[in-house]
Amino acid sequence: MMGRWLASRTKPHQTGPLAAVRTPSNAGVLNCRVLSPAGEPVPNARCAVSDTAGRTLVEGGTDPFGSFVATVPAGEYRLTVSAEGYLPYRVPCTATENSLASLGDVTLQAAQPLELPAPGDWEIDLAHSSISCTARHIGVARVHGRFNSFAGVVRITDDAAQTAMHVVIDAGSIDTNVRMRDDHLRSADFLDVAQFPTIEFYSDRFVPRGGNRWDVIGELWLRGVARTVTLDMEYLGLGDGMQGEARAVCRATAALHRDDFQVSWQTMLARGIAAVGPTIRVDIDVQVVPQS
């Protein structure tokens, strides 16, 4: 019976082809090593083994040495390898009962970078953008919210690494779909919007990480406190809007610690569990258009 089998990874000190893998009856082992065009190992590349019907049976990441090993029932498969900044690689393979099928070295090819927006000032299109946040509640649940009002400008330069951005968020526009909770979030226990009506982020450091990933390093002002924050940003490319206007799209995430911004309100449940977790996850989906 076909099922999902766990993948394991090789280690460089292993001496036998099956030393790292216990092979169940009627199963075989597939392995490969994933390399960059320069011949360097690619760690954390995603590898997936699918059957002839396209169902994924095993998936996992390569180890620090670029190795991937999967134990699957004997049969015909397709291995797909993908990694940030590289073109996907696909190859058919056959698992033979009680034996190792080595696919050898898989060399990935660099992907063509996406076209960047033209230099100039681009503004956030509020109607097609969102800034949301997620907090842990009572240790197991999550509370999701969003800010309904914000604005921002991105100044793109010829050298993309010197791009700058400034975003202003209306702190009072927090919306978790529960009025009583939103009122509490606006109070001095949390955002204190009476004294600090806006949240601001400014960055002039866009650090390329390879492929279409960037670290956006900037200063976040929240409750009158400034901290350096790094956004993990993925650039998704250019497109045309309904009126033919150019649009650039990206998404980003960040993790904020409440105590860093003096948001220290806390209460404990009877079991000693914190009502609100210490870390807030921020998710950003943005479309920008040329400033008119």
Protein backbone atom coordinates (compact mmCIF):
# COMPACT_ATOMS: atom_id res chain seq x y z
CA MET A 1 0.00 0.00 0.00
CA MET A 2 1.34 3.37 -1.01
CA GLY A 3 1.77 5.80 1.86
CA ARG A 4 3.88 8.73 2.95
CA TRP A 5 7.36 7.62 3.91
CA LEU A 6 9.77 9.68 5.94
CA ALA A 7 12.92 11.04 4.32
CA SER A 8 16.26 10.92 6.08
CA ARG A 9 19.59 12.55 5.29
CA THR A 10 23.06 11.21 4.67
CA LYS A 11 26.13 12.19 6.66
CA PRO A 12 29.63 12.42 5.21
CA HIS A 13 31.09 9.77 7.56
CA GLN A 14 28.76 6.98 6.42
CA THR A 15 30.59 4.04 4.88
CA GLY A 16 27.86 1.91 3.26
CA PRO A 17 25.20 2.91 0.74
CA LEU A 18 22.38 1.99 3.15
CA ALA A 19 24.18 2.87 6.39
CA ALA A 20 21.86 5.78 7.16
CA VAL A 21 18.61 4.16 6.07
CA ARG A 22 16.72 1.13 7.30
CA THR A 23 14.99 -0.19 4.23
CA PRO A 24 11.52 -1.65 4.83
CA SER A 25 10.43 -4.71 2.88
CA ASN A 26 9.57 -3.99 -0.77
CA ALA A 27 11.25 -0.56 -0.60
CA GLY A 28 14.25 1.13 -2.16
CA VAL A 29 16.36 4.17 -1.46
CA LEU A 30 16.85 7.24 -3.64
CA ASN A 31 19.60 9.75 -3.02
CA CYS A 32 21.29 12.72 -4.65
CA ARG A 33 23.53 15.67 -3.88
CA VAL A 34 22.35 19.14 -4.91
CA LEU A 35 25.00 21.58 -6.13
CA SER A 36 25.15 25.18 -7.33
CA PRO A 37 26.56 26.06 -10.79
CA ALA A 38 29.88 26.67 -9.01
CA GLY A 39 29.84 23.14 -7.62
CA GLU A 40 29.04 24.18 -4.05
CA PRO A 41 26.47 22.24 -1.96
CA VAL A 42 23.01 23.84 -1.77
CA PRO A 43 21.62 23.32 1.76
CA ASN A 44 17.88 23.51 2.46
CA ALA A 45 16.92 22.89 -1.17
CA ARG A 46 13.40 21.43 -1.30
CA CYS A 47 13.28 17.92 -2.72
CA ALA A 48 10.00 16.13 -3.48
CA VAL A 49 9.46 12.58 -4.75
CA SER A 50 6.16 12.05 -6.56
CA ASP A 51 4.62 8.97 -8.11
CA THR A 52 3.35 8.54 -11.68
CA ALA A 53 -0.03 10.02 -10.67
CA GLY A 54 1.68 13.20 -9.47
CA ARG A 55 1.13 12.50 -5.76
CA THR A 56 3.98 13.62 -3.48
CA LEU A 57 5.14 10.72 -1.32
CA VAL A 58 8.25 12.22 0.28
CA GLU A 59 9.48 15.79 0.62
CA GLY A 60 12.19 17.40 2.65
CA GLY A 61 15.27 19.59 2.53
CA THR A 62 18.89 18.88 1.73
CA ASP A 63 21.36 18.78 4.62
CA PRO A 64 24.31 21.23 4.98
CA PHE A 65 26.26 19.11 2.48
CA GLY A 66 23.50 19.26 -0.14
CA SER A 67 22.48 15.61 0.35
CA PHE A 68 18.98 14.19 0.21
CA VAL A 69 17.87 10.59 0.86
CA ALA A 70 14.37 9.12 0.56
CA THR A 71 13.02 5.65 1.27
CA VAL A 72 10.04 4.75 -0.93
CA PRO A 73 8.24 1.61 -2.13
CA ALA A 74 9.84 0.08 -5.20
CA GLY A 75 8.53 1.79 -8.33
CA GLU A 76 8.80 4.64 -10.81
CA TYR A 77 9.03 8.24 -9.54
CA ARG A 78 9.92 11.81 -10.38
CA LEU A 79 12.28 13.88 -8.24
CA THR A 80 11.76 17.64 -8.18
CA VAL A 81 14.42 19.91 -6.67
CA SER A 82 13.84 23.62 -6.05
CA ALA A 83 15.76 26.33 -4.22
CA GLU A 84 15.58 30.10 -3.94
CA GLY A 85 17.36 31.75 -6.86
CA TYR A 86 17.53 28.60 -9.01
CA LEU A 87 15.42 27.04 -11.75
CA PRO A 88 13.48 23.90 -10.70
CA TYR A 89 15.09 20.60 -11.62
CA ARG A 90 13.04 17.48 -12.45
CA VAL A 91 14.25 14.01 -13.26
CA PRO A 92 12.58 10.56 -13.49
CA CYS A 93 13.97 7.89 -11.18
CA THR A 94 13.40 4.26 -10.25
CA ALA A 95 13.47 2.76 -6.76
CA THR A 96 14.46 -0.91 -6.74
CA GLU A 97 13.60 -3.23 -3.87
CA ASN A 98 16.34 -3.46 -1.18
CA SER A 99 18.83 -1.35 -3.12
CA LEU A 100 20.17 2.18 -3.43
CA ALA A 101 19.47 4.20 -6.57
CA SER A 102 21.90 7.12 -6.58
CA LEU A 103 21.04 10.03 -8.87
CA GLY A 104 24.51 11.47 -8.34
CA ASP A 105 25.10 15.22 -8.38
CA VAL A 106 22.17 17.44 -9.34
CA THR A 107 23.47 20.82 -10.54
CA LEU A 108 20.93 23.62 -10.40
CA GLN A 109 20.93 26.53 -12.85
CA ALA A 110 20.55 30.10 -11.66
CA ALA A 111 17.16 31.66 -12.31
CA GLN A 112 16.87 34.92 -14.23
CA PRO A 113 16.15 37.70 -11.70
CA LEU A 114 12.79 39.43 -12.03
CA GLU A 115 12.74 42.85 -13.64
CA LEU A 116 12.91 45.57 -10.98
CA PRO A 117 10.69 48.68 -11.00
CA ALA A 118 11.97 51.76 -12.82
CA PRO A 119 13.80 54.35 -10.68
CA GLY A 120 11.51 56.96 -9.16
CA ASP A 121 8.91 57.35 -6.42
CA TRP A 122 6.30 54.61 -6.07
CA GLU A 123 3.41 54.76 -3.62
CA ILE A 124 1.54 51.99 -1.84
CA ASP A 125 -1.88 51.21 -3.33
CA LEU A 126 -3.98 50.83 -0.20
CA ALA A 127 -6.82 49.10 -2.06
CA HIS A 128 -4.53 46.23 -3.06
CA SER A 129 -2.23 46.04 -0.04
CA SER A 130 -2.48 44.77 3.51
CA ILE A 131 -0.58 44.90 6.79
CA SER A 132 -1.68 42.19 9.19
CA CYS A 133 -0.46 40.84 12.51
CA THR A 134 -0.84 37.63 14.48
CA ALA A 135 -0.42 37.12 18.23
CA ARG A 136 -0.45 33.97 20.31
CA HIS A 137 -3.45 33.76 22.64
CA ILE A 138 -3.59 31.57 25.80
CA GLY A 139 -0.59 29.62 24.61
CA VAL A 140 -2.30 27.67 21.83
CA ALA A 141 -4.70 29.88 19.85
CA ARG A 142 -3.95 32.80 17.54
CA VAL A 143 -5.58 36.19 17.20
CA HIS A 144 -5.38 37.82 13.76
CA GLY A 145 -5.68 41.53 13.10
CA ARG A 146 -4.93 44.12 10.46
CA PHE A 147 -4.44 47.85 10.07
CA ASN A 148 -7.05 49.36 7.80
CA SER A 149 -5.32 52.69 7.17
CA PHE A 150 -1.72 53.28 6.12
CA ALA A 151 0.32 55.01 3.44
CA GLY A 152 3.84 54.76 2.14
CA VAL A 153 6.32 55.74 -0.56
CA VAL A 154 9.22 53.75 -1.98
CA ARG A 155 12.02 55.72 -3.66
CA ILE A 156 13.72 53.35 -6.10
CA THR A 157 17.22 54.21 -7.29
CA ASP A 158 19.43 52.93 -10.09
CA ASP A 159 21.24 50.92 -7.42
CA ALA A 160 18.38 48.87 -5.96
CA ALA A 161 20.34 48.30 -2.73
CA GLN A 162 20.02 52.04 -2.01
CA THR A 163 16.25 52.07 -2.33
CA ALA A 164 14.45 53.87 0.52
CA MET A 165 10.95 53.52 1.89
CA HIS A 166 8.76 55.31 4.44
CA VAL A 167 5.51 53.82 5.72
CA VAL A 168 3.06 55.47 8.13
CA ILE A 169 0.34 53.38 9.79
CA ASP A 170 -2.71 54.75 11.57
CA ALA A 171 -2.40 52.87 14.88
CA GLY A 172 -6.06 53.45 15.68
CA SER A 173 -7.12 51.51 12.58
CA ILE A 174 -6.26 48.17 14.24
CA ASP A 175 -9.03 45.69 13.49
CA THR A 176 -9.36 42.19 14.96
CA ASN A 177 -13.11 42.01 14.27
CA VAL A 178 -13.94 42.30 18.00
CA ARG A 179 -14.75 45.84 19.12
CA MET A 180 -13.99 45.32 22.82
CA ARG A 181 -10.60 43.78 22.01
CA ASP A 182 -9.78 46.54 19.51
CA ASP A 183 -10.58 49.21 22.11
CA HIS A 184 -8.20 47.48 24.53
CA LEU A 185 -5.47 47.33 21.87
CA ARG A 186 -5.84 51.09 21.32
CA SER A 187 -5.48 51.78 25.05
CA ALA A 188 -2.30 52.58 26.99
CA ASP A 189 -1.88 48.86 27.72
CA PHE A 190 -0.92 48.26 24.11
CA LEU A 191 -0.67 50.79 21.24
CA ASP A 192 -1.58 53.88 23.32
CA VAL A 193 -2.99 55.66 20.27
CA ALA A 194 -3.95 58.74 22.32
CA GLN A 195 -0.25 59.58 22.72
CA PHE A 196 1.17 57.80 19.69
CA PRO A 197 -1.38 57.88 16.86
CA THR A 198 0.97 56.53 14.19
CA ILE A 199 3.43 53.70 13.68
CA GLU A 200 6.27 54.50 11.27
CA PHE A 201 8.89 52.48 9.45
CA TYR A 202 11.79 53.97 7.52
CA SER A 203 14.47 52.05 5.64
CA ASP A 204 17.26 52.88 3.24
CA ARG A 205 18.99 49.48 3.34
CA PHE A 206 17.80 46.83 0.90
CA VAL A 207 20.23 43.92 1.14
CA PRO A 208 19.96 41.26 -1.61
CA ARG A 209 19.91 37.67 -0.31
CA GLY A 210 19.92 35.94 -3.68
CA GLY A 211 17.16 35.26 -6.13
CA ASN A 212 14.24 37.57 -5.39
CA ARG A 213 14.74 37.70 -1.61
CA TRP A 214 15.84 40.85 0.21
CA ASP A 215 16.49 41.93 3.76
CA VAL A 216 14.89 45.34 4.29
CA ILE A 217 16.58 46.83 7.34
CA GLY A 218 15.03 49.90 8.91
CA GLU A 219 13.86 51.74 11.99
CA LEU A 220 10.40 51.05 13.38
CA TRP A 221 8.77 53.66 15.64
CA LEU A 222 6.08 52.21 17.89
CA ARG A 223 4.75 53.86 21.07
CA GLY A 224 7.52 56.45 20.78
CA VAL A 225 10.23 53.76 20.85
CA ALA A 226 12.55 53.16 17.90
CA ARG A 227 14.06 49.75 17.17
CA THR A 228 15.95 48.30 14.22
CA VAL A 229 13.77 45.77 12.41
CA THR A 230 14.56 43.50 9.46
CA LEU A 231 11.83 42.57 7.01
CA ASP A 232 12.21 39.29 5.14
CA MET A 233 10.97 40.44 1.73
CA GLU A 234 10.19 38.48 -1.42
CA TYR A 235 9.87 40.50 -4.60
CA LEU A 236 7.18 39.03 -6.86
CA GLY A 237 7.73 41.12 -9.98
CA LEU A 238 5.99 43.68 -12.20
CA GLY A 239 2.52 43.59 -13.69
CA ASP A 240 -0.09 45.83 -15.30
CA GLY A 241 -3.20 47.07 -13.51
CA MET A 242 -6.74 47.41 -14.88
CA GLN A 243 -5.91 50.80 -16.39
CA GLY A 244 -2.63 49.63 -17.83
CA GLU A 245 -0.58 51.19 -15.03
CA ALA A 246 2.64 49.53 -13.90
CA ARG A 247 2.51 47.72 -10.55
CA ALA A 248 5.26 46.15 -8.49
CA VAL A 249 4.35 43.46 -5.96
CA CYS A 250 6.14 42.17 -2.89
CA ARG A 251 5.42 40.48 0.40
CA ALA A 252 7.36 40.53 3.66
CA THR A 253 7.31 39.17 7.18
CA ALA A 254 8.83 40.23 10.49
CA ALA A 255 8.71 39.14 14.12
CA LEU A 256 8.34 41.87 16.75
CA HIS A 257 8.90 41.42 20.48
CA ARG A 258 6.40 43.36 22.58
CA ASP A 259 8.88 44.16 25.34
CA ASP A 260 11.21 45.88 22.85
CA PHE A 261 8.54 48.55 22.42
CA GLN A 262 7.47 48.71 26.07
CA VAL A 263 4.22 46.88 25.35
CA SER A 264 4.55 44.98 28.62
CA TRP A 265 0.90 44.48 29.60
CA GLN A 266 0.40 40.92 30.69
CA THR A 267 -2.06 38.81 32.58
CA MET A 268 -1.88 35.15 33.46
CA LEU A 269 -4.60 32.55 33.34
CA ALA A 270 -5.30 30.39 36.38
CA ARG A 271 -2.96 27.73 34.96
CA GLY A 272 -0.09 30.20 34.68
CA ILE A 273 -0.39 30.55 30.91
CA ALA A 274 0.20 34.00 29.44
CA ALA A 275 -2.94 35.48 27.88
CA VAL A 276 -0.89 37.15 25.13
CA GLY A 277 2.38 35.80 23.73
CA PRO A 278 5.60 37.86 23.70
CA THR A 279 6.05 37.84 19.91
CA ILE A 280 3.89 39.42 17.21
CA ARG A 281 4.19 38.19 13.63
CA VAL A 282 3.68 40.86 10.96
CA ASP A 283 2.72 39.94 7.39
CA ILE A 284 2.82 42.53 4.64
CA ASP A 285 1.44 42.24 1.09
CA VAL A 286 2.06 45.36 -0.94
CA GLN A 287 1.42 46.65 -4.43
CA VAL A 288 3.11 49.91 -5.37
CA VAL A 289 2.37 52.16 -8.35
CA PRO A 290 4.25 55.16 -9.76
CA GLN A 291 3.48 58.24 -7.70
CA SER A 292 1.25 60.63 -9.59
